Amino acid sequence: MSQTTTDVRTRKPGGGGIVPVLAFAGIVVAVMQTLLVPVIKDLPELLNTSPSNATWVLTSTLLSGAVATPIMGRLGDLFGKRRMLLTSLAVMVAGSLVSAFTSALLPMIAGRTLQGFAMGAIPLGIGLMRDMLPREKLGSAMALMSSSIGVGGGLALPLAALVAQHTSWHALFYGSAGLGVISIALTLLFVPESPMRAEGTFDGLGALGLSAGLVLLLLPITKGSDWGWSSGTTLGLFGAAVAVLLLWGLMELRVKAPLVDLRTTARPAVLFTNLASIMVGVSFYVVSLVLPQLLQLPSATGYGLGQSMVVAGLCVAPLGLTMMFTAPVYARISAKYGPKTTLILGMLIIAIGYGAGLGLMSAAWQTIVISVVLGAGIGLAYSSLPALIVGAVPASETGAANGLNTLMRSIGTSVSSAVIGMVLANTANHVGGVAVPTMHGFRVSFLIATGAVALGLLFAIFLPKQRQATKPQLRASSEEDAALERAQEILGGFRGRVLNVDGVPVARAKVTLIDRRGRQAGATLSAEDGSYALAVPAQGAYVLAAKAAGHGPLASSASHTGDDRPVDLDLALPSETVSA
């Protein structure tokens, strides 16, 4: 069981530079995904290897990012999110330098693997925002951090194309290392460590099992088109992935402090959010794969737009820019209607963008329109995901839960890359031994994206409604105050005060709600006047545990039957039975 603890550090009332610094870090690590897209067709020659071997330079980053994301999220919950964020960025800088100094395949793959390790920074940043920011700033901040995945990927295309076209391709890695160093320095200067901690130990065996299962799953997804989808290697790896992940799941259900709390993950709010995340990841990557190729194909093909590498990147750049500017819009919509509604709206806009895109591929300006519309929809969808996750899990599991959600998006982009690559290859015309994508292939790709969005929309509709989202007037100076006000408004739950031996209120005492199975059902800190409030997930028997520095702990049994009677927790008294 994980429990939240806190130290005596003070939360910054306004967040200072936390939001822009963490968003910048998210954009920097997301750049690693599309850093080499402008030179992808030249990689075999640049690395003096075969095309199939060269693809490992991209695949390695994807695999390491998928493995690192949930693991770094859990380590952040246990040992400090800022500490793990700095670790992720440092590993990325090391990987960038390794790649910058080599033109050999194996060292390049090693460097790119280290670069992908930094993807864990996204859920760590979201967790830091939840722990450190006042509630009125939290929605837009998490939206911006979540969207940084797309923003970084979108902005990297034109910038990387410009660098690759006018300088050595190694300059891409020197630049990424420099961005990483800047991000580390800004984090050290402006981002304090989170006071929130999860008790327990790191599930090393669970991390090993998840890593093995993810590699076995994502490897055939990314390489299936090269190996053949019906080949023994591809099918064997898929079968091994299923077996390993099933065994891992059974083990996680029996571990006291698992890497991923599968019971929490099985909650409808978390499960359907993660399933929707896969579909959003699919839809995001389709446009990133299709439009740059369409723009750079020669006009002699009859449908290619004949643009340079840099112009193609600039036409796709509005995708990332629109996602970035969508964050404040999301905050207003979500405050009024809730993140579920915002997710549904975002997916509808994505569907409109891909549907319109089927007939808007004959001019460069039309691709810009598609990028703007899709950027708005994907931005709203991405922005909604962390809010849905944060609203469904305890604070002590924020990093791990958002790490798993980010992993679901990565799986979506992996599936998208494999499927769209297969579609474009199978529909291509071969001219002089060179495969040239066709307009038919591009349109089929857009139809696949539309189908993925439709499925994601179905998942979003099944999301349970978050009651707190209907309280847009709520304004609080801290997360604890927000929890208190929300619980007082919607309870169903326990409330009261934490007192010492003299009856004096105890501020910032940890109050934990434990269900009949011994699992944490909620946690909060008492306010300055000693008051606390905890909503309950369902009626039944619970234990209220309270402790504070300099006081003995208290564990009180409490049963909730639907009413709302105060339960004061006197730290000076032994365990007692109360009825709420």
Protein backbone atom coordinates (compact mmCIF):
# COMPACT_ATOMS: atom_id res chain seq x y z
CA MET A 1 0.00 0.00 0.00
CA SER A 2 1.31 3.46 -0.89
CA GLN A 3 0.77 6.35 1.43
CA THR A 4 1.48 10.02 0.99
CA THR A 5 3.96 11.74 3.23
CA THR A 6 5.20 15.26 3.24
CA ASP A 7 8.06 17.29 4.60
CA VAL A 8 7.97 20.82 5.99
CA ARG A 9 8.85 22.65 2.80
CA THR A 10 6.44 25.37 1.81
CA ARG A 11 4.57 25.28 -1.44
CA LYS A 12 5.19 28.37 -3.58
CA PRO A 13 1.93 30.30 -3.60
CA GLY A 14 2.04 31.37 -7.20
CA GLY A 15 4.20 28.69 -8.72
CA GLY A 16 6.87 31.22 -9.81
CA GLY A 17 8.63 29.96 -12.92
CA ILE A 18 7.57 26.36 -12.37
CA VAL A 19 5.11 26.18 -15.27
CA PRO A 20 7.26 27.62 -18.09
CA VAL A 21 10.36 25.76 -16.92
CA LEU A 22 8.60 22.38 -16.72
CA ALA A 23 6.82 22.98 -20.03
CA PHE A 24 10.18 23.84 -21.63
CA ALA A 25 11.63 20.60 -20.23
CA GLY A 26 8.70 18.66 -21.71
CA ILE A 27 9.19 20.28 -25.11
CA VAL A 28 12.92 19.53 -25.03
CA VAL A 29 12.48 15.82 -24.34
CA ALA A 30 9.68 15.56 -26.91
CA VAL A 31 12.04 16.97 -29.54
CA MET A 32 13.99 13.71 -29.33
CA GLN A 33 11.13 11.84 -31.04
CA THR A 34 11.26 13.83 -34.30
CA LEU A 35 14.87 15.05 -34.16
CA LEU A 36 16.03 12.79 -37.01
CA VAL A 37 12.87 12.81 -39.16
CA PRO A 38 14.35 15.31 -41.67
CA VAL A 39 17.36 13.04 -42.32
CA ILE A 40 15.64 9.67 -41.95
CA LYS A 41 15.97 8.78 -45.62
CA ASP A 42 19.73 9.55 -45.50
CA LEU A 43 20.52 7.57 -42.35
CA PRO A 44 21.72 4.38 -44.14
CA GLU A 45 24.31 6.40 -46.05
CA LEU A 46 25.26 8.57 -43.06
CA LEU A 47 25.80 5.53 -40.83
CA ASN A 48 27.18 3.28 -43.58
CA THR A 49 24.62 0.57 -42.91
CA SER A 50 21.51 -1.04 -44.38
CA PRO A 51 18.09 0.67 -44.27
CA SER A 52 16.72 -2.00 -41.90
CA ASN A 53 19.60 -1.47 -39.47
CA ALA A 54 19.26 2.31 -39.68
CA THR A 55 15.67 2.15 -38.45
CA TRP A 56 17.00 1.02 -35.06
CA VAL A 57 18.20 4.59 -34.55
CA LEU A 58 14.52 5.58 -34.28
CA THR A 59 13.20 2.36 -32.76
CA SER A 60 15.68 2.44 -29.86
CA THR A 61 14.45 5.87 -28.73
CA LEU A 62 10.85 4.69 -28.80
CA LEU A 63 11.57 1.54 -26.81
CA SER A 64 13.66 3.24 -24.11
CA GLY A 65 11.07 6.00 -23.74
CA ALA A 66 8.29 3.46 -23.29
CA VAL A 67 10.27 1.56 -20.65
CA ALA A 68 11.52 4.62 -18.76
CA THR A 69 8.20 6.48 -18.54
CA PRO A 70 6.34 4.40 -15.89
CA ILE A 71 9.56 3.53 -14.05
CA MET A 72 10.69 7.14 -13.65
CA GLY A 73 7.19 8.11 -12.60
CA ARG A 74 7.25 5.60 -9.74
CA LEU A 75 10.80 6.56 -8.73
CA GLY A 76 9.65 10.18 -8.63
CA ASP A 77 6.77 9.29 -6.31
CA LEU A 78 9.21 7.51 -3.98
CA PHE A 79 12.37 9.65 -4.04
CA GLY A 80 11.38 13.05 -5.38
CA LYS A 81 9.98 14.09 -8.76
CA ARG A 82 12.43 16.97 -9.25
CA ARG A 83 15.36 14.66 -8.56
CA MET A 84 14.17 12.14 -11.14
CA LEU A 85 13.41 14.93 -13.64
CA LEU A 86 16.99 16.14 -13.37
CA THR A 87 18.21 12.57 -13.74
CA SER A 88 16.16 12.11 -16.92
CA LEU A 89 17.50 15.32 -18.44
CA ALA A 90 21.08 14.42 -17.51
CA VAL A 91 20.77 11.02 -19.20
CA MET A 92 19.35 12.74 -22.30
CA VAL A 93 22.33 15.13 -22.43
CA ALA A 94 24.73 12.20 -22.12
CA GLY A 95 22.94 10.38 -24.95
CA SER A 96 23.03 13.48 -27.16
CA LEU A 97 26.78 13.81 -26.71
CA VAL A 98 27.36 10.12 -27.43
CA SER A 99 25.44 10.47 -30.72
CA ALA A 100 27.11 13.78 -31.58
CA PHE A 101 30.61 12.26 -31.55
CA THR A 102 29.93 9.18 -33.67
CA SER A 103 28.92 8.11 -37.15
CA ALA A 104 28.93 4.39 -36.30
CA LEU A 105 25.68 2.47 -35.94
CA LEU A 106 26.03 0.84 -32.51
CA PRO A 107 27.22 3.95 -30.59
CA MET A 108 24.50 5.95 -32.34
CA ILE A 109 21.84 3.46 -31.20
CA ALA A 110 23.24 3.62 -27.66
CA GLY A 111 23.08 7.41 -27.65
CA ARG A 112 19.55 7.45 -29.03
CA THR A 113 18.50 4.93 -26.39
CA LEU A 114 19.73 7.29 -23.68
CA GLN A 115 17.90 10.19 -25.35
CA GLY A 116 14.61 8.29 -25.24
CA PHE A 117 15.08 7.72 -21.51
CA ALA A 118 14.14 11.36 -20.98
CA MET A 119 10.47 10.79 -21.89
CA GLY A 120 9.83 10.14 -18.21
CA ALA A 121 10.13 13.91 -17.71
CA ILE A 122 6.56 14.45 -18.96
CA PRO A 123 4.71 12.59 -16.14
CA LEU A 124 7.26 13.85 -13.60
CA GLY A 125 6.49 17.42 -14.62
CA ILE A 126 2.75 16.82 -14.33
CA GLY A 127 3.27 15.32 -10.88
CA LEU A 128 5.35 18.33 -9.76
CA MET A 129 2.63 20.68 -10.95
CA ARG A 130 -0.02 18.82 -8.99
CA ASP A 131 2.10 18.89 -5.84
CA MET A 132 3.32 22.49 -6.05
CA LEU A 133 0.77 24.70 -7.81
CA PRO A 134 -2.39 26.37 -6.47
CA ARG A 135 -5.51 24.73 -7.83
CA GLU A 136 -6.62 27.71 -9.92
CA LYS A 137 -3.43 27.41 -12.00
CA LEU A 138 -3.24 23.64 -12.11
CA GLY A 139 -5.60 22.92 -15.03
CA SER A 140 -3.90 25.09 -17.64
CA ALA A 141 -0.43 24.14 -16.36
CA MET A 142 -1.03 20.39 -16.69
CA ALA A 143 -2.63 20.98 -20.09
CA LEU A 144 0.49 22.76 -21.32
CA MET A 145 2.76 20.06 -19.90
CA SER A 146 0.73 17.27 -21.47
CA SER A 147 0.64 19.07 -24.83
CA SER A 148 4.40 19.53 -24.76
CA ILE A 149 4.71 16.05 -26.30
CA GLY A 150 3.04 17.29 -29.46
CA VAL A 151 4.46 20.82 -29.26
CA GLY A 152 8.04 19.56 -29.10
CA GLY A 153 7.47 17.07 -31.88
CA GLY A 154 5.82 19.67 -34.11
CA LEU A 155 8.35 22.45 -33.56
CA ALA A 156 11.32 20.10 -33.97
CA LEU A 157 10.44 19.32 -37.59
CA PRO A 158 11.15 22.75 -39.15
CA LEU A 159 14.05 23.53 -36.83
CA ALA A 160 15.73 20.17 -37.38
CA ALA A 161 15.16 20.49 -41.13
CA LEU A 162 16.77 23.95 -41.14
CA VAL A 163 19.80 22.70 -39.18
CA ALA A 164 20.20 19.54 -41.25
CA GLN A 165 19.91 21.41 -44.54
CA HIS A 166 22.56 24.04 -43.74
CA THR A 167 24.98 22.36 -41.31
CA SER A 168 26.27 18.92 -40.36
CA TRP A 169 23.63 16.51 -39.12
CA HIS A 170 25.70 16.08 -35.96
CA ALA A 171 24.70 19.63 -35.05
CA LEU A 172 21.25 18.24 -34.23
CA PHE A 173 22.74 16.33 -31.30
CA TYR A 174 24.91 19.22 -30.11
CA GLY A 175 21.77 21.36 -30.13
CA SER A 176 19.73 18.81 -28.17
CA ALA A 177 22.54 18.53 -25.60
CA GLY A 178 22.57 22.31 -25.22
CA LEU A 179 18.81 22.43 -24.75
CA GLY A 180 19.11 19.72 -22.10
CA VAL A 181 21.76 21.67 -20.18
CA ILE A 182 19.60 24.81 -20.28
CA SER A 183 16.62 22.82 -19.03
CA ILE A 184 18.66 21.36 -16.14
CA ALA A 185 19.88 24.82 -15.14
CA LEU A 186 16.37 26.31 -15.22
CA THR A 187 14.98 23.39 -13.21
CA LEU A 188 17.66 23.85 -10.53
CA LEU A 189 16.93 27.58 -10.33
CA PHE A 190 13.13 27.71 -10.45
CA VAL A 191 11.61 24.31 -9.58
CA PRO A 192 11.60 23.24 -5.91
CA GLU A 193 11.37 19.62 -4.88
CA SER A 194 7.88 18.29 -4.21
CA PRO A 195 7.06 17.59 -0.54
CA MET A 196 4.88 14.62 -1.51
CA ARG A 197 6.29 11.10 -1.13
CA ALA A 198 4.92 7.61 -1.45
CA GLU A 199 5.98 5.18 1.26
CA GLY A 200 7.32 1.76 0.35
CA THR A 201 10.12 0.36 -1.78
CA PHE A 202 10.79 0.31 -5.48
CA ASP A 203 9.43 -2.78 -7.21
CA GLY A 204 12.58 -3.79 -9.08
CA LEU A 205 11.21 -7.13 -10.25
CA GLY A 206 8.05 -5.40 -11.48
CA ALA A 207 10.16 -2.86 -13.39
CA LEU A 208 12.15 -5.68 -15.01
CA GLY A 209 8.98 -7.56 -15.95
CA LEU A 210 7.28 -4.48 -17.41
CA SER A 211 10.41 -3.55 -19.34
CA ALA A 212 10.67 -7.02 -20.84
CA GLY A 213 6.98 -7.10 -21.72
CA LEU A 214 7.05 -3.66 -23.36
CA VAL A 215 10.13 -4.45 -25.42
CA LEU A 216 8.60 -7.75 -26.57
CA LEU A 217 5.37 -5.93 -27.50
CA LEU A 218 6.75 -2.78 -29.15
CA LEU A 219 9.56 -4.49 -31.04
CA PRO A 220 7.30 -6.44 -33.43
CA ILE A 221 4.96 -3.44 -33.70
CA THR A 222 7.78 -1.20 -34.93
CA LYS A 223 9.61 -3.84 -37.01
CA GLY A 224 6.71 -6.00 -38.18
CA SER A 225 6.56 -4.38 -41.63
CA ASP A 226 10.25 -5.22 -42.17
CA TRP A 227 10.13 -8.75 -40.77
CA GLY A 228 6.69 -9.62 -42.13
CA TRP A 229 3.56 -9.61 -39.97
CA SER A 230 3.09 -13.35 -40.34
CA SER A 231 6.74 -14.26 -39.80
CA GLY A 232 7.75 -16.53 -36.95
CA THR A 233 9.81 -13.77 -35.34
CA THR A 234 6.92 -11.29 -35.26
CA LEU A 235 4.31 -13.77 -34.03
CA GLY A 236 6.72 -15.29 -31.52
CA LEU A 237 7.52 -11.90 -29.98
CA PHE A 238 3.82 -11.02 -29.75
CA GLY A 239 3.13 -14.33 -28.01
CA ALA A 240 6.03 -13.83 -25.63
CA ALA A 241 4.81 -10.30 -24.86
CA VAL A 242 1.35 -11.58 -23.91
CA ALA A 243 2.83 -14.25 -21.66
CA VAL A 244 5.29 -11.93 -19.93
CA LEU A 245 2.74 -9.15 -19.37
CA LEU A 246 0.18 -11.61 -17.97
CA LEU A 247 2.73 -13.01 -15.52
CA TRP A 248 3.82 -9.48 -14.65
CA GLY A 249 0.21 -8.49 -13.96
CA LEU A 250 -0.36 -11.47 -11.66
CA MET A 251 2.83 -10.60 -9.78
CA GLU A 252 1.88 -6.92 -9.44
CA LEU A 253 -1.47 -7.88 -7.90
CA ARG A 254 0.37 -9.73 -5.13
CA VAL A 255 3.10 -7.18 -4.40
CA LYS A 256 2.52 -4.88 -1.42
CA ALA A 257 4.01 -1.80 -3.16
CA PRO A 258 3.70 -2.51 -6.90
CA LEU A 259 5.29 -0.49 -9.68
CA VAL A 260 1.80 -0.02 -11.18
CA ASP A 261 -1.30 -0.36 -9.02
CA LEU A 262 -3.39 -2.44 -11.41
CA ARG A 263 -6.46 -2.19 -9.18
CA THR A 264 -6.33 1.58 -9.54
CA THR A 265 -5.63 1.23 -13.25
CA ALA A 266 -8.74 -0.92 -13.62
CA ARG A 267 -11.00 1.86 -12.36
CA PRO A 268 -13.24 3.01 -15.23
CA ALA A 269 -11.93 6.60 -15.02
CA VAL A 270 -8.33 5.42 -15.43
CA LEU A 271 -8.95 2.50 -17.80
CA PHE A 272 -11.01 4.42 -20.36
CA THR A 273 -8.68 7.43 -20.17
CA ASN A 274 -5.73 5.20 -21.01
CA LEU A 275 -7.59 3.50 -23.85
CA ALA A 276 -8.56 6.90 -25.25
CA SER A 277 -4.92 7.97 -24.92
CA ILE A 278 -3.81 5.18 -27.27
CA MET A 279 -6.25 6.40 -29.91
CA VAL A 280 -5.13 10.03 -29.51
CA GLY A 281 -1.52 8.86 -29.94
CA VAL A 282 -2.47 7.07 -33.15
CA SER A 283 -4.20 10.14 -34.56
CA PHE A 284 -1.34 12.48 -33.65
CA TYR A 285 1.34 10.46 -35.42
CA VAL A 286 -0.61 9.95 -38.65
CA VAL A 287 -0.45 13.64 -39.58
CA SER A 288 3.23 13.75 -38.65
CA LEU A 289 3.93 10.89 -41.05
CA VAL A 290 1.70 11.89 -43.97
CA LEU A 291 1.93 15.65 -44.45
CA PRO A 292 5.77 15.99 -44.59
CA GLN A 293 5.93 13.28 -47.28
CA LEU A 294 3.08 14.82 -49.29
CA LEU A 295 4.71 18.25 -49.15
CA GLN A 296 8.15 17.01 -50.26
CA LEU A 297 7.04 14.73 -53.09
CA PRO A 298 7.86 16.20 -56.54
CA SER A 299 4.97 17.92 -58.31
CA ALA A 300 5.74 15.68 -61.32
CA THR A 301 3.91 12.89 -59.49
CA GLY A 302 0.68 14.78 -60.11
CA TYR A 303 -0.17 15.12 -56.42
CA GLY A 304 3.11 15.94 -54.67
CA LEU A 305 3.49 19.56 -53.59
CA GLY A 306 7.20 19.90 -54.42
CA GLN A 307 8.28 21.79 -51.29
CA SER A 308 11.72 21.83 -49.68
CA MET A 309 12.50 20.10 -46.40
CA VAL A 310 12.37 23.40 -44.50
CA VAL A 311 9.11 24.59 -46.08
CA ALA A 312 7.51 21.21 -45.36
CA GLY A 313 8.53 21.55 -41.72
CA LEU A 314 7.10 25.07 -41.54
CA CYS A 315 3.78 23.91 -42.98
CA VAL A 316 3.49 21.24 -40.28
CA ALA A 317 4.76 23.53 -37.47
CA PRO A 318 1.27 25.03 -36.80
CA LEU A 319 0.34 21.59 -35.44
CA GLY A 320 2.62 22.11 -32.44
CA LEU A 321 2.01 25.84 -32.11
CA THR A 322 -1.77 25.38 -32.04
CA MET A 323 -1.42 22.70 -29.39
CA MET A 324 0.60 25.09 -27.24
CA PHE A 325 -1.92 27.92 -27.52
CA THR A 326 -4.81 25.52 -26.83
CA ALA A 327 -3.77 25.03 -23.17
CA PRO A 328 -5.43 28.21 -21.78
CA VAL A 329 -8.53 27.55 -23.91
CA TYR A 330 -8.71 24.05 -22.44
CA ALA A 331 -8.54 25.46 -18.90
CA ARG A 332 -11.62 27.64 -19.48
CA ILE A 333 -13.65 24.90 -21.16
CA SER A 334 -12.68 22.28 -18.60
CA ALA A 335 -13.45 24.59 -15.66
CA LYS A 336 -16.99 24.98 -16.94
CA TYR A 337 -17.76 21.56 -18.40
CA GLY A 338 -15.08 19.19 -17.06
CA PRO A 339 -12.14 17.35 -18.69
CA LYS A 340 -14.37 14.57 -20.02
CA THR A 341 -16.34 17.03 -22.14
CA THR A 342 -13.10 18.66 -23.28
CA LEU A 343 -11.69 15.29 -24.35
CA ILE A 344 -14.84 14.52 -26.35
CA LEU A 345 -14.72 17.97 -27.98
CA GLY A 346 -11.07 17.53 -28.87
CA MET A 347 -11.71 14.17 -30.51
CA LEU A 348 -14.61 15.58 -32.51
CA ILE A 349 -12.34 18.34 -33.83
CA ILE A 350 -9.68 15.75 -34.74
CA ALA A 351 -12.28 13.76 -36.66
CA ILE A 352 -13.38 16.91 -38.51
CA GLY A 353 -9.75 17.72 -39.34
CA TYR A 354 -9.02 14.30 -40.82
CA GLY A 355 -12.37 14.18 -42.61
CA ALA A 356 -11.77 17.57 -44.22
CA GLY A 357 -8.18 16.57 -44.93
CA LEU A 358 -9.35 13.87 -47.33
CA GLY A 359 -10.18 16.69 -49.77
CA LEU A 360 -7.54 19.24 -48.73
CA MET A 361 -4.27 17.86 -50.09
CA SER A 362 -3.78 19.80 -53.31
CA ALA A 363 -1.91 22.90 -52.04
CA ALA A 364 0.58 23.80 -49.31
CA TRP A 365 -1.84 26.24 -47.66
CA GLN A 366 -4.36 23.43 -47.29
CA THR A 367 -1.87 21.39 -45.26
CA ILE A 368 -1.48 24.38 -42.94
CA VAL A 369 -5.27 24.44 -42.42
CA ILE A 370 -5.21 20.73 -41.62
CA SER A 371 -2.33 21.24 -39.17
CA VAL A 372 -4.16 24.04 -37.34
CA VAL A 373 -7.44 22.13 -37.00
CA LEU A 374 -5.74 18.92 -35.92
CA GLY A 375 -3.46 20.84 -33.54
CA ALA A 376 -6.50 22.36 -31.83
CA GLY A 377 -8.21 19.00 -31.46
CA ILE A 378 -5.13 17.07 -30.35
CA GLY A 379 -4.22 19.89 -27.97
CA LEU A 380 -7.63 19.71 -26.26
CA ALA A 381 -7.47 15.91 -26.09
CA TYR A 382 -3.91 15.78 -24.74
CA SER A 383 -4.68 18.53 -22.22
CA SER A 384 -7.63 16.59 -20.83
CA LEU A 385 -5.74 13.36 -20.14
CA PRO A 386 -3.64 14.34 -17.07
CA ALA A 387 -6.63 16.05 -15.44
CA LEU A 388 -8.68 12.87 -15.82
CA ILE A 389 -5.85 10.76 -14.37
CA VAL A 390 -5.09 13.16 -11.51
CA GLY A 391 -8.77 13.25 -10.59
CA ALA A 392 -8.92 9.46 -10.35
CA VAL A 393 -5.79 8.49 -8.37
CA PRO A 394 -4.32 9.41 -4.96
CA ALA A 395 -1.62 12.09 -4.87
CA SER A 396 1.01 9.47 -3.97
CA GLU A 397 0.43 7.70 -7.30
CA THR A 398 0.38 10.74 -9.58
CA GLY A 399 3.80 10.15 -11.12
CA ALA A 400 3.31 6.45 -11.79
CA ALA A 401 -0.26 6.90 -13.08
CA ASN A 402 0.68 9.72 -15.47
CA GLY A 403 3.73 7.71 -16.50
CA LEU A 404 1.45 4.84 -17.49
CA ASN A 405 -0.81 7.27 -19.36
CA THR A 406 2.16 8.69 -21.27
CA LEU A 407 3.15 5.11 -22.07
CA MET A 408 -0.30 4.52 -23.57
CA ARG A 409 0.24 7.47 -25.90
CA SER A 410 3.64 6.06 -26.88
CA ILE A 411 2.01 2.73 -27.69
CA GLY A 412 -0.48 4.64 -29.84
CA THR A 413 2.27 6.37 -31.80
CA SER A 414 4.11 3.05 -32.19
CA VAL A 415 1.02 1.34 -33.58
CA SER A 416 0.39 4.34 -35.83
CA SER A 417 3.96 4.28 -37.17
CA ALA A 418 3.80 0.57 -37.94
CA VAL A 419 0.33 0.55 -39.51
CA ILE A 420 0.75 3.73 -41.58
CA GLY A 421 4.21 2.63 -42.70
CA MET A 422 2.72 -0.66 -43.89
CA VAL A 423 -0.17 1.10 -45.68
CA LEU A 424 2.11 3.57 -47.48
CA ALA A 425 4.52 0.79 -48.47
CA ASN A 426 1.78 -1.49 -49.81
CA THR A 427 0.11 1.29 -51.81
CA ALA A 428 3.34 2.83 -53.18
CA ASN A 429 4.33 3.03 -56.83
CA HIS A 430 7.83 1.80 -57.64
CA VAL A 431 9.72 4.12 -59.96
CA GLY A 432 13.29 3.22 -60.83
CA GLY A 433 13.48 0.92 -57.81
CA VAL A 434 12.27 3.68 -55.46
CA ALA A 435 8.94 3.35 -53.60
CA VAL A 436 6.87 6.52 -54.04
CA PRO A 437 3.85 6.96 -51.72
CA THR A 438 0.54 7.49 -53.49
CA MET A 439 -2.40 9.79 -52.82
CA HIS A 440 -4.49 6.66 -52.24
CA GLY A 441 -2.13 5.64 -49.44
CA PHE A 442 -2.33 9.09 -47.86
CA ARG A 443 -6.14 9.02 -47.90
CA VAL A 444 -6.28 5.52 -46.46
CA SER A 445 -3.97 6.73 -43.67
CA PHE A 446 -6.35 9.60 -42.90
CA LEU A 447 -9.28 7.17 -42.84
CA ILE A 448 -7.40 4.97 -40.35
CA ALA A 449 -6.81 8.02 -38.15
CA THR A 450 -10.51 8.90 -38.34
CA GLY A 451 -11.42 5.36 -37.29
CA ALA A 452 -9.01 5.52 -34.35
CA VAL A 453 -10.55 8.81 -33.22
CA ALA A 454 -14.05 7.33 -33.47
CA LEU A 455 -12.98 4.45 -31.22
CA GLY A 456 -11.34 6.88 -28.80
CA LEU A 457 -14.52 8.94 -28.75
CA LEU A 458 -16.43 5.83 -27.70
CA PHE A 459 -13.99 5.26 -24.83
CA ALA A 460 -14.33 8.90 -23.77
CA ILE A 461 -18.12 8.67 -23.69
CA PHE A 462 -17.87 5.77 -21.22
CA LEU A 463 -15.75 7.80 -18.81
CA PRO A 464 -17.56 8.38 -15.51
CA LYS A 465 -18.48 11.96 -14.84
CA GLN A 466 -16.21 13.77 -12.37
CA ARG A 467 -18.40 15.48 -9.82
CA GLN A 468 -15.84 18.13 -8.92
CA ALA A 469 -15.72 19.30 -12.51
CA THR A 470 -19.23 20.73 -12.07
CA LYS A 471 -17.94 23.22 -9.48
CA PRO A 472 -16.23 25.84 -11.64
CA GLN A 473 -16.57 28.48 -8.94
CA LEU A 474 -14.11 26.65 -6.70
CA ARG A 475 -10.97 28.72 -6.04
CA ALA A 476 -8.38 27.72 -3.49
CA SER A 477 -4.88 28.77 -2.56
CA SER A 478 -3.49 25.24 -2.39
CA GLU A 479 -4.32 21.66 -3.27
CA GLU A 480 -5.17 20.86 0.35
CA ASP A 481 -7.60 23.81 0.57
CA ALA A 482 -9.15 22.75 -2.71
CA ALA A 483 -9.66 19.21 -1.42
CA LEU A 484 -11.24 20.59 1.76
CA GLU A 485 -13.65 22.92 -0.04
CA ARG A 486 -14.59 20.32 -2.64
CA ALA A 487 -15.22 17.65 -0.03
CA GLN A 488 -17.31 20.03 2.07
CA GLU A 489 -19.44 20.81 -0.98
CA ILE A 490 -19.98 17.28 -2.29
CA LEU A 491 -19.47 15.08 0.81
CA GLY A 492 -20.38 11.99 1.08
CA GLY A 493 -17.20 11.62 3.25
CA PHE A 494 -15.39 12.40 6.50
CA ARG A 495 -14.49 15.80 7.87
CA GLY A 496 -13.37 17.17 11.18
CA ARG A 497 -10.28 18.50 12.94
CA VAL A 498 -6.91 17.16 14.03
CA LEU A 499 -6.15 18.18 17.65
CA ASN A 500 -3.22 17.77 20.04
CA VAL A 501 -3.27 16.84 23.75
CA ASP A 502 -4.39 20.34 24.74
CA GLY A 503 -7.14 20.47 22.14
CA VAL A 504 -5.11 22.82 19.95
CA PRO A 505 -5.55 22.32 16.17
CA VAL A 506 -2.62 20.64 14.39
CA ALA A 507 -1.81 22.06 10.96
CA ARG A 508 -0.39 19.98 8.07
CA ALA A 509 -1.06 16.67 9.79
CA LYS A 510 -1.33 13.80 7.34
CA VAL A 511 -4.78 12.19 7.32
CA THR A 512 -5.11 8.97 5.34
CA LEU A 513 -8.31 7.08 4.50
CA ILE A 514 -7.83 3.29 4.31
CA ASP A 515 -10.47 0.91 2.99
CA ARG A 516 -11.37 -2.54 4.32
CA ARG A 517 -8.76 -4.20 2.08
CA GLY A 518 -5.97 -2.13 3.54
CA ARG A 519 -5.62 0.08 0.47
CA GLN A 520 -5.34 3.85 0.53
CA ALA A 521 -8.66 5.39 -0.55
CA GLY A 522 -7.63 9.01 -0.04
CA ALA A 523 -5.17 11.30 1.70
CA THR A 524 -4.93 14.96 2.62
CA LEU A 525 -3.19 17.41 4.93
CA SER A 526 -5.02 19.32 7.66
CA ALA A 527 -5.43 23.06 7.13
CA GLU A 528 -4.04 25.79 9.40
CA ASP A 529 -7.06 25.48 11.71
CA GLY A 530 -6.60 21.70 11.90
CA SER A 531 -9.61 20.99 9.68
CA TYR A 532 -9.57 18.19 7.12
CA ALA A 533 -12.01 16.63 4.69
CA LEU A 534 -11.89 13.40 2.71
CA ALA A 535 -14.43 12.21 0.17
CA VAL A 536 -15.16 8.47 0.14
CA PRO A 537 -15.41 6.32 -3.01
CA ALA A 538 -18.29 4.28 -1.55
CA GLN A 539 -20.19 3.67 1.67
CA GLY A 540 -18.64 1.19 4.05
CA ALA A 541 -16.06 0.67 6.76
CA TYR A 542 -12.81 2.65 6.76
CA VAL A 543 -9.84 3.51 8.97
CA LEU A 544 -8.83 7.14 9.41
CA ALA A 545 -5.09 7.35 10.16
CA ALA A 546 -3.54 10.62 11.28
CA LYS A 547 0.00 11.60 12.20
CA ALA A 548 2.07 14.77 12.47
CA ALA A 549 5.59 15.73 13.44
CA GLY A 550 6.02 15.64 17.23
CA HIS A 551 2.80 13.71 17.85
CA GLY A 552 1.94 10.06 18.16
CA PRO A 553 -0.07 8.48 15.34
CA LEU A 554 -3.79 7.70 15.59
CA ALA A 555 -5.82 5.06 13.75
CA SER A 556 -9.61 5.35 14.13
CA SER A 557 -12.20 3.01 12.66
CA ALA A 558 -15.02 4.83 10.89
CA SER A 559 -18.04 3.72 8.91
CA HIS A 560 -19.71 5.84 6.26
CA THR A 561 -23.44 5.38 5.75
CA GLY A 562 -24.26 8.34 3.52
CA ASP A 563 -24.56 11.19 6.02
CA ASP A 564 -21.86 13.71 6.96
CA ARG A 565 -21.00 13.91 10.67
CA PRO A 566 -17.72 15.41 11.89
CA VAL A 567 -14.96 13.04 13.03
CA ASP A 568 -12.31 14.79 15.12
CA LEU A 569 -8.94 13.04 15.34
CA ASP A 570 -7.26 13.60 18.72
CA LEU A 571 -3.61 12.64 18.38
CA ALA A 572 -3.32 12.34 22.16
CA LEU A 573 -5.85 9.51 22.46
CA PRO A 574 -5.47 5.80 21.65
CA SER A 575 -7.43 4.18 18.84
CA GLU A 576 -11.18 4.62 19.16
CA THR A 577 -14.22 3.59 17.18
CA VAL A 578 -16.39 6.28 15.65
CA SER A 579 -19.38 6.26 13.33
CA ALA A 580 -19.84 8.80 10.60
